[in-house]
Protein backbone atom coordinates (compact mmCIF):
# COMPACT_ATOMS: atom_id res chain seq x y z
CA MET A 1 44.12 -16.77 35.15
CA PHE A 2 47.48 -18.40 34.71
CA VAL A 3 48.36 -20.74 37.60
CA LEU A 4 51.97 -21.57 37.97
CA TYR A 5 52.83 -25.03 37.86
CA ALA A 6 56.14 -26.16 39.35
CA ALA A 7 57.72 -28.97 37.54
CA MET A 8 60.79 -29.01 40.11
CA VAL A 9 62.66 -31.96 38.71
CA CYS A 10 65.97 -33.86 39.17
CA SER A 11 67.67 -34.54 35.84
CA ALA A 12 68.75 -37.83 36.97
CA GLY A 13 65.67 -38.64 38.56
CA ASN A 14 63.27 -37.79 35.97
CA PRO A 15 64.90 -36.53 32.74
CA ASN A 16 61.38 -35.48 31.50
CA PRO A 17 60.44 -31.98 32.77
CA LEU A 18 57.58 -31.69 30.46
CA PRO A 19 54.11 -31.80 32.66
CA ASN A 20 51.68 -34.36 31.92
CA PRO A 21 53.50 -35.70 29.00
CA GLY A 22 51.03 -38.83 28.23
CA PHE A 23 47.77 -36.72 29.21
CA GLU A 24 47.29 -39.15 32.15
CA ASP A 25 46.01 -36.14 34.00
CA GLY A 26 43.60 -35.36 31.43
CA ASP A 27 44.22 -31.64 29.61
CA ARG A 28 46.04 -30.19 32.54
CA MET A 29 48.94 -28.01 31.53
CA TRP A 30 47.66 -28.59 27.95
CA SER A 31 46.17 -26.09 25.61
CA PHE A 32 43.35 -27.00 23.12
CA GLY A 33 42.38 -24.33 20.58
CA ASP A 34 39.87 -26.44 18.17
CA SER A 35 37.00 -28.52 18.37
CA THR A 36 38.09 -31.94 17.01
CA SER A 37 41.58 -32.64 18.88
CA LYS A 38 40.40 -34.51 21.98
CA LEU A 39 41.92 -37.17 24.46
CA VAL A 40 40.64 -40.72 24.35
CA HIS A 41 41.46 -43.95 25.48
CA GLU A 42 41.97 -45.40 22.13
CA ALA A 43 44.47 -42.72 21.26
CA ALA A 44 46.96 -44.08 24.34
CA HIS A 45 50.22 -45.59 23.42
CA GLU A 46 50.45 -46.35 27.14
CA GLY A 47 48.43 -45.62 30.11
CA LYS A 48 44.56 -44.50 29.88
CA SER A 49 44.72 -41.73 27.56
CA GLY A 50 45.94 -40.11 24.53
CA LEU A 51 45.87 -37.12 22.17
CA ARG A 52 43.71 -38.06 18.80
CA VAL A 53 44.21 -35.02 16.13
CA GLY A 54 42.52 -34.74 12.86
CA ASP A 55 39.21 -35.72 11.00
CA GLU A 56 38.26 -38.59 9.01
CA GLU A 57 35.98 -36.34 6.86
CA TYR A 58 37.03 -33.15 5.39
CA ASN A 59 37.43 -30.20 7.86
CA ALA A 60 38.25 -26.94 6.98
CA ASP A 61 38.93 -25.89 10.53
CA PRO A 62 42.63 -26.23 11.75
CA GLY A 63 43.70 -28.00 14.97
CA SER A 64 46.09 -26.68 17.64
CA VAL A 65 47.05 -28.14 21.08
CA THR A 66 49.91 -26.82 22.95
CA SER A 67 52.20 -27.82 25.89
CA ALA A 68 53.05 -25.85 28.93
CA ARG A 69 56.55 -24.01 28.07
CA LEU A 70 59.94 -24.87 29.64
CA PRO A 71 62.60 -22.22 30.31
CA VAL A 72 65.70 -22.40 28.06
CA ASN A 73 68.82 -20.33 27.22
CA PRO A 74 69.99 -19.00 23.74
CA GLY A 75 71.95 -21.81 21.89
CA GLN A 76 70.54 -24.50 24.37
CA GLU A 77 69.90 -27.99 22.29
CA VAL A 78 66.82 -29.67 23.25
CA THR A 79 65.16 -32.72 21.83
CA LEU A 80 61.61 -33.50 21.53
CA SER A 81 60.40 -37.20 21.06
CA PHE A 82 56.93 -38.72 20.93
CA TRP A 83 55.29 -41.42 20.06
CA ALA A 84 52.48 -41.31 17.04
CA ARG A 85 50.20 -43.66 14.74
CA GLY A 86 48.71 -42.50 11.75
CA LYS A 87 48.61 -43.42 8.08
CA ASN A 88 48.26 -40.14 6.43
CA LYS A 89 50.27 -36.77 7.20
CA SER A 90 47.55 -34.80 8.34
CA SER A 91 49.10 -33.39 11.49
CA GLY A 92 52.40 -32.76 12.87
CA ALA A 93 54.53 -31.99 16.02
CA TYR A 94 56.44 -28.84 16.45
CA ILE A 95 58.96 -27.30 18.66
CA TYR A 96 57.94 -23.91 19.45
CA PHE A 97 60.41 -21.17 20.76
CA TYR A 98 59.26 -18.34 22.74
CA ASP A 99 60.92 -14.83 23.33
CA SER A 100 60.76 -13.00 26.80
CA GLY A 101 57.43 -11.56 25.95
CA GLY A 102 55.59 -15.14 25.51
CA LYS A 103 55.60 -14.81 21.71
CA VAL A 104 56.08 -17.44 19.46
CA ILE A 105 59.45 -16.98 17.62
CA SER A 106 58.88 -17.58 13.69
CA LYS A 107 62.25 -19.41 13.09
CA PRO A 108 63.33 -22.21 13.70
CA GLN A 109 60.13 -24.01 13.82
CA PRO A 110 61.10 -27.79 13.17
CA ALA A 111 58.47 -30.22 12.55
CA LEU A 112 57.85 -33.84 12.19
CA TRP A 113 54.50 -35.12 10.29
CA PRO A 114 54.40 -38.58 11.43
CA ALA A 115 52.83 -41.36 8.94
CA ASN A 116 53.53 -45.12 8.71
CA GLU A 117 51.56 -47.34 6.30
CA ASP A 118 51.40 -50.03 8.87
CA GLY A 119 49.35 -47.83 11.08
CA GLU A 120 51.39 -48.89 14.34
CA TRP A 121 53.11 -46.93 16.84
CA HIS A 122 56.33 -45.35 16.31
CA GLN A 123 58.48 -43.35 18.35
CA TYR A 124 59.77 -39.97 16.63
CA SER A 125 62.42 -37.37 17.64
CA LEU A 126 63.17 -33.72 16.66
CA LYS A 127 66.43 -31.59 17.75
CA GLU A 128 66.79 -27.81 17.60
CA LYS A 129 68.79 -24.94 19.45
CA ALA A 130 67.23 -21.90 20.72
CA PRO A 131 67.45 -19.02 18.90
CA VAL A 132 69.39 -16.01 20.49
CA ASN A 133 65.99 -14.40 21.57
CA GLY A 134 64.67 -17.76 22.91
CA THR A 135 63.75 -18.19 26.56
CA SER A 136 61.26 -20.83 26.39
CA VAL A 137 60.08 -23.79 24.31
CA ALA A 138 56.77 -26.00 24.08
CA VAL A 139 55.07 -28.58 21.87
CA TRP A 140 52.62 -27.55 19.33
CA VAL A 141 50.49 -30.31 17.51
CA HIS A 142 48.69 -28.90 14.34
CA PHE A 143 46.17 -30.27 12.09
CA SER A 144 46.14 -28.86 8.82
CA PRO A 145 42.85 -27.64 7.65
CA GLY A 146 41.40 -29.17 4.54
CA ASN A 147 43.35 -32.50 5.28
CA ILE A 148 41.72 -36.03 6.00
CA GLY A 149 43.20 -38.42 8.44
CA ILE A 150 43.54 -39.02 12.01
CA THR A 151 46.88 -39.53 13.89
CA ASP A 152 47.47 -40.38 17.68
CA TYR A 153 50.24 -38.50 19.72
CA ASP A 154 51.45 -39.73 23.40
CA ASP A 155 54.02 -39.74 25.63
CA PHE A 156 55.86 -36.51 24.55
CA ALA A 157 59.42 -35.79 26.33
CA PHE A 158 61.71 -33.07 26.34
CA GLU A 159 65.50 -33.72 26.83
CA GLY A 160 68.36 -31.24 27.05
CA ILE A 161 66.11 -28.84 29.50
CA ASP A 162 67.95 -27.65 32.87
CA SER A 163 67.19 -29.54 36.03
CA GLY A 164 65.16 -27.76 38.53
CA VAL A 165 63.13 -25.77 35.81
CA THR A 166 59.45 -24.54 36.64
CA ALA A 167 56.94 -25.16 33.72
CA ILE A 168 55.07 -22.38 32.38
CA PRO A 169 51.28 -22.88 31.64
CA PRO A 170 50.08 -22.66 28.16
CA GLN A 171 48.02 -19.75 27.28
CA ALA A 172 44.36 -20.21 28.93
CA SER A 173 42.52 -22.46 26.34
CA ARG A 174 39.68 -20.34 24.70
CA ASP A 175 36.23 -21.85 24.20
CA ARG A 176 36.76 -24.62 21.89
CA VAL A 177 35.35 -23.39 18.45
CA LYS A 178 32.00 -25.26 17.71
CA PRO A 179 31.50 -26.88 14.26
CA LYS A 180 29.91 -24.53 11.77
CA GLU A 181 26.55 -25.53 10.65
CA ALA A 182 25.09 -24.86 7.26
CA VAL A 183 22.44 -22.47 7.23
CA LYS A 184 19.01 -23.19 6.38
CA ASP A 185 17.06 -20.27 7.14
CA LEU A 186 18.74 -17.63 4.95
CA PRO A 187 17.09 -14.28 5.29
CA PRO A 188 15.22 -12.89 2.10
CA ARG A 189 17.24 -10.86 -0.23
CA LYS A 190 15.82 -7.90 -2.16
CA GLU A 191 17.76 -9.19 -5.26
CA PRO A 192 20.24 -12.17 -6.15
CA ALA A 193 23.67 -11.54 -4.73
CA VAL A 194 26.57 -10.97 -7.54
CA ILE A 195 29.59 -12.99 -7.22
CA ILE A 196 32.85 -12.22 -8.49
CA LEU A 197 35.16 -15.15 -8.36
CA LYS A 198 38.63 -14.06 -7.89
CA LEU A 199 41.12 -16.87 -8.52
CA ASP A 200 44.76 -16.30 -7.80
CA ASP A 201 48.13 -17.28 -9.08
CA LEU A 202 48.08 -18.44 -12.77
CA SER A 203 51.56 -18.99 -14.40
CA GLN A 204 52.90 -21.19 -16.72
CA LYS A 205 55.17 -23.91 -16.26
CA ASN A 206 57.28 -25.67 -19.11
CA GLY A 207 55.14 -23.73 -21.43
CA LYS A 208 51.68 -25.35 -20.41
CA VAL A 209 49.10 -24.66 -17.92
CA HIS A 210 49.04 -26.35 -14.54
CA PRO A 211 46.40 -29.17 -14.59
CA SER A 212 44.37 -27.60 -11.39
CA TRP A 213 43.78 -24.61 -13.60
CA GLN A 214 42.47 -26.62 -16.48
CA LYS A 215 40.34 -28.42 -13.98
CA ILE A 216 38.90 -25.19 -12.95
CA SER A 217 38.39 -23.82 -16.35
CA ASP A 218 36.60 -26.68 -17.51
CA PHE A 219 34.40 -26.77 -14.34
CA LEU A 220 33.35 -23.09 -14.65
CA GLU A 221 32.33 -23.85 -18.41
CA SER A 222 30.43 -26.79 -17.77
CA ARG A 223 28.38 -24.62 -15.15
CA LYS A 224 28.19 -21.52 -17.60
CA ILE A 225 29.61 -19.64 -15.01
CA LYS A 226 31.75 -16.56 -15.26
CA GLY A 227 35.23 -16.08 -13.30
CA SER A 228 38.56 -14.40 -13.06
CA PHE A 229 41.84 -15.59 -13.04
CA GLY A 230 44.78 -13.43 -11.51
CA VAL A 231 47.99 -13.75 -13.77
CA VAL A 232 51.69 -13.76 -12.39
CA CYS A 233 53.36 -12.05 -15.32
CA GLU A 234 56.99 -12.74 -15.09
CA SER A 235 56.34 -16.38 -16.44
CA MET A 236 54.78 -14.96 -19.72
CA GLN A 237 58.58 -13.87 -20.65
CA ASP A 238 59.03 -17.41 -22.03
CA ALA A 239 55.37 -18.38 -22.46
CA LYS A 240 54.62 -20.82 -25.41
CA PRO A 241 52.04 -20.34 -28.01
CA GLU A 242 50.20 -23.00 -26.12
CA TYR A 243 49.89 -21.20 -23.08
CA ALA A 244 49.36 -17.77 -24.54
CA ASN A 245 46.27 -19.38 -26.71
CA TRP A 246 44.81 -20.96 -23.88
CA ILE A 247 44.41 -17.63 -22.07
CA LYS A 248 43.32 -15.78 -25.36
CA THR A 249 40.63 -18.33 -25.90
CA ARG A 250 39.11 -18.00 -22.71
CA HIS A 251 39.44 -14.23 -22.58
CA ASP A 252 37.86 -13.85 -26.29
CA SER A 253 34.84 -16.00 -25.16
CA GLY A 254 33.95 -13.41 -22.31
CA ALA A 255 33.46 -16.10 -19.81
CA ILE A 256 37.03 -15.59 -17.90
CA GLU A 257 38.61 -12.10 -17.11
CA PHE A 258 42.19 -12.21 -16.88
CA TRP A 259 43.72 -9.66 -14.28
CA PHE A 260 47.38 -8.49 -13.25
CA HIS A 261 48.24 -10.20 -9.90
CA GLY A 262 51.83 -9.03 -9.94
CA TRP A 263 54.98 -8.87 -11.85
CA ASP A 264 56.57 -11.82 -9.75
CA HIS A 265 54.51 -12.20 -6.61
CA ALA A 266 57.75 -12.16 -4.75
CA SER A 267 58.17 -10.81 -1.19
CA HIS A 268 61.16 -8.38 -0.40
CA ASN A 269 62.79 -7.10 2.66
CA GLU A 270 62.67 -3.51 4.06
CA GLY A 271 64.10 -3.03 7.36
CA GLY A 272 64.00 -6.48 8.36
CA LYS A 273 60.39 -6.96 7.49
CA SER A 274 59.20 -9.27 4.78
CA LEU A 275 56.98 -7.50 2.50
CA SER A 276 54.67 -8.39 -0.40
CA GLU A 277 55.51 -7.15 -3.87
CA PHE A 278 53.55 -3.71 -4.01
CA ASP A 279 54.41 -2.61 -0.51
CA THR A 280 56.99 -0.10 0.60
CA ARG A 281 58.51 0.20 -3.02
CA SER A 282 58.87 3.49 -4.72
CA TYR A 283 56.52 4.80 -7.28
CA GLU A 284 59.18 4.07 -10.11
CA GLU A 285 59.57 0.43 -9.17
CA GLN A 286 55.87 -0.43 -8.98
CA LYS A 287 55.20 1.63 -11.99
CA SER A 288 57.80 -0.56 -13.87
CA ARG A 289 56.25 -3.53 -12.61
CA PHE A 290 52.90 -2.39 -13.82
CA ASP A 291 54.62 -1.33 -17.14
CA ARG A 292 56.40 -4.73 -17.95
CA SER A 293 53.43 -6.68 -17.23
CA GLN A 294 51.01 -4.59 -19.40
CA LYS A 295 53.71 -4.73 -22.26
CA LEU A 296 54.00 -8.50 -22.02
CA ALA A 297 50.27 -8.80 -22.26
CA LEU A 298 49.81 -6.85 -25.21
CA GLU A 299 52.78 -8.63 -26.99
CA LYS A 300 51.75 -12.42 -25.74
CA LEU A 301 47.88 -11.99 -25.53
CA GLY A 302 47.01 -9.26 -27.18
CA PHE A 303 45.22 -7.31 -24.67
CA ALA A 304 45.96 -5.29 -21.57
CA PHE A 305 45.01 -5.96 -18.16
CA GLU A 306 41.97 -3.55 -16.69
CA THR A 307 41.86 -4.89 -13.33
CA PHE A 308 44.54 -5.42 -10.68
CA GLY A 309 44.63 -7.26 -7.58
CA PRO A 310 47.89 -7.33 -5.31
CA GLY A 311 49.78 -10.43 -4.30
CA GLY A 312 49.89 -11.35 -0.96
CA GLY A 313 52.82 -12.71 1.24
CA GLY A 314 54.89 -11.03 4.00
CA SER A 315 53.79 -8.65 6.46
CA GLY A 316 51.78 -5.29 6.01
CA GLN A 317 48.89 -4.24 3.85
CA HIS A 318 50.10 -5.41 0.34
CA PHE A 319 49.83 -2.08 -1.40
CA ASP A 320 50.72 1.60 -0.53
CA ALA A 321 50.14 5.22 -1.67
CA ASN A 322 52.27 4.55 -4.59
CA THR A 323 50.41 1.34 -5.74
CA CYS A 324 47.25 3.81 -5.58
CA LYS A 325 49.12 6.48 -7.85
CA VAL A 326 50.09 3.96 -10.30
CA MET A 327 46.77 2.58 -10.51
CA GLN A 328 45.46 6.15 -11.27
CA ASP A 329 48.47 6.76 -13.98
CA ASP A 330 48.18 3.40 -15.76
CA PRO A 331 46.12 4.12 -18.94
CA TYR A 332 44.29 0.63 -18.70
CA MET A 333 43.44 0.19 -15.31
CA LYS A 334 39.82 0.45 -14.38
CA ALA A 335 39.26 -1.92 -11.34
CA TRP A 336 40.92 -2.63 -8.19
CA LEU A 337 39.97 -6.29 -6.80
CA TYR A 338 40.90 -4.73 -2.99
CA ASN A 339 42.14 -7.06 -0.67
CA LYS A 340 40.36 -6.08 2.29
CA PRO A 341 37.12 -3.66 3.11
CA ILE A 342 37.36 -0.64 1.66
CA ASP A 343 39.28 2.08 3.39
CA ASP A 344 40.23 5.87 3.28
CA ASP A 345 42.86 5.05 0.34
CA GLY A 346 40.37 3.20 -1.62
CA LYS A 347 37.67 5.58 -1.25
CA LYS A 348 39.97 8.60 -2.25
CA LEU A 349 40.94 6.66 -5.22
CA GLN A 350 37.54 5.89 -6.29
CA GLU A 351 36.20 9.30 -5.95
CA ALA A 352 38.88 10.29 -8.39
CA GLY A 353 36.61 8.48 -10.81
CA LYS A 354 38.87 6.55 -13.03
CA ILE A 355 39.15 3.35 -10.64
CA THR A 356 36.22 1.25 -9.29
CA ILE A 357 37.23 -0.41 -5.88
CA LEU A 358 35.63 -4.11 -5.53
CA ASP A 359 36.32 -4.76 -1.96
CA ARG A 360 36.00 -7.54 0.36
CA VAL A 361 33.80 -9.03 3.07
CA TRP A 362 35.89 -11.15 5.13
CA GLU A 363 33.26 -13.37 6.43
CA VAL A 364 32.14 -14.31 2.70
CA ASN A 365 35.12 -16.16 0.81
CA ILE A 366 35.69 -19.23 -0.88
CA GLU A 367 38.58 -20.19 1.59
CA GLY A 368 38.90 -20.08 5.47
CA ALA A 369 42.66 -20.68 5.58
CA VAL A 370 44.86 -20.00 2.48
CA GLY A 371 44.07 -22.86 -0.04
CA VAL A 372 41.32 -24.50 2.18
CA PRO A 373 37.99 -23.77 0.85
CA ASP A 374 35.21 -23.83 3.57
CA SER A 375 31.49 -23.93 2.60
CA LYS A 376 30.19 -23.73 6.09
CA LYS A 377 31.79 -20.46 6.83
CA LEU A 378 30.88 -18.78 3.40
CA ILE A 379 27.25 -19.94 4.09
CA ALA A 380 27.24 -18.41 7.53
CA GLY A 381 29.00 -15.19 6.46
CA TYR A 382 26.35 -14.96 3.29
CA LYS A 383 23.71 -15.19 5.74
CA SER A 384 24.74 -12.34 8.02
CA HIS A 385 25.03 -9.83 4.79
CA PRO A 386 21.59 -9.89 3.27
CA ASP A 387 22.04 -6.27 2.09
CA ARG A 388 25.54 -6.52 0.45
CA LYS A 389 25.15 -6.38 -3.51
CA TYR A 390 28.17 -8.27 -4.39
CA PHE A 391 30.87 -10.67 -2.94
CA VAL A 392 34.43 -10.96 -4.35
CA LEU A 393 35.39 -14.67 -3.57
CA GLN A 394 39.01 -15.20 -3.51
CA GLY A 395 40.60 -18.74 -3.75
CA HIS A 396 43.98 -20.51 -4.69
CA PRO A 397 42.76 -23.66 -7.49
CA GLN A 398 46.40 -24.80 -7.77
CA MET A 399 46.07 -25.73 -3.94
CA TRP A 400 42.47 -27.75 -4.42
CA ALA A 401 43.21 -31.17 -4.85
CA GLY A 402 40.87 -33.91 -3.97
CA ALA A 403 38.48 -33.00 -1.16
CA ARG A 404 39.30 -29.40 -1.43
CA PHE A 405 38.24 -29.06 -4.69
CA ASP A 406 34.93 -30.89 -3.69
CA GLU A 407 34.51 -28.30 -0.97
CA PHE A 408 34.56 -25.60 -3.65
CA VAL A 409 32.06 -27.54 -5.73
CA LYS A 410 29.71 -27.31 -2.43
CA ILE A 411 30.20 -23.63 -2.35
CA ILE A 412 29.34 -22.93 -6.08
CA ASP A 413 26.10 -25.67 -5.84
CA PHE A 414 25.12 -23.24 -2.78
CA LEU A 415 25.44 -19.88 -4.51
CA THR A 416 23.80 -21.38 -7.62
CA GLU A 417 21.15 -22.53 -5.31
CA GLN A 418 20.70 -18.82 -4.25
CA LYS A 419 20.06 -17.63 -7.86
CA CYS A 420 23.49 -15.62 -7.53
CA VAL A 421 24.88 -14.04 -10.60
CA PHE A 422 28.29 -14.98 -11.76
CA VAL A 423 29.98 -11.95 -13.52
CA THR A 424 33.77 -10.97 -14.02
CA PRO A 425 35.17 -7.91 -12.57
CA MET A 426 35.03 -5.60 -15.37
CA GLY A 427 31.56 -7.08 -16.12
CA TYR A 428 30.18 -5.91 -12.82
CA VAL A 429 32.22 -2.54 -13.07
CA ASN A 430 30.67 -1.99 -16.60
CA SER A 431 27.09 -2.56 -15.28
CA ILE A 432 27.21 -0.26 -12.33
CA LYS A 433 28.39 2.60 -14.72
CA GLY A 434 26.04 1.77 -17.23
CA VAL A 435 28.56 0.58 -19.92
CA LYS A 436 27.48 -1.76 -22.40
């Protein structure tokens, strides 16, 4: 239940209307949505308590701490100030505006991620005007998953708030998420699971392959593991021979399948909504994007794509009925790396006989958040699906720097220990259709 907390203040007597701004009353009027953020004396700038956010070890779970909301009017300028201490930009403080329904407004969301090499306390501030639909404002402190580092926060303050306001409590804190434990007692499987590594967003820059893609390619080769790379095709227009040959060499080896991930992987606007590349576009426009990409692949690489996986971004489901029709009509397409569990659209397309749908199990994936590998989540999900024959595991190698890549290696180590069989998308399709 929400209990209103009256913060009736006089601007001259108390210029900071934010209740419990320095955590001297514990977590009152603050909401904690994670298991690592905590209030400790060691994190206090002044007084007996401060907020400690982050982790010294790799943590794939995001951190979220939200203050009470304060009423504002559209166009009203507010200033957030706070003290922080930390050496790494692993977390940040945001000004969050809310609409009349209590929903967070996506823009503006000014943020400041404090970091200072001296490891001492510093004061920071942010200033922003409330949007036209803004009715309240709050502080949101966010720890980015996959980062390493601790930051201490204390003594938050808002200026520019009208005097005599009534603070609105944050949404009730849900039970804090307990750290996921690696599973040891896995249920027996009738046969080893098949793993399809779906690695997204390969493109060339300045004629060369990004070092992250070279790293993942070298790693898979060293482990004798097959995988698949999703190609964003627009960048192939000016591809140099070095880039094309890099793809062709791996394609010809049979170890890596290159699949169609979109022409530009760019979002577009329809009716005020931001949508992904293949969502709510005409059949002709979607077919053109397939055709241009297949033409480039044949010219530059010497082969056509047989597998498709739509790009994300924006809102919506990332494809529509026109996409299904294009898949049916494209002469080269045979498989679809579906971006969700199979639905009626996927079943209908698969029943037509030409396209095989390789769908997803949300709980079993390389990444928890985009770009953040999470071995504990994958292992827990793997345990929960002992009868599933195959898993499509999505990831974004270009975002896997440092400890994130190490976490991916942990996932591969686990799957290898389970004697999983790594195949390409078309390798699996051919196996279930009896094609040699």
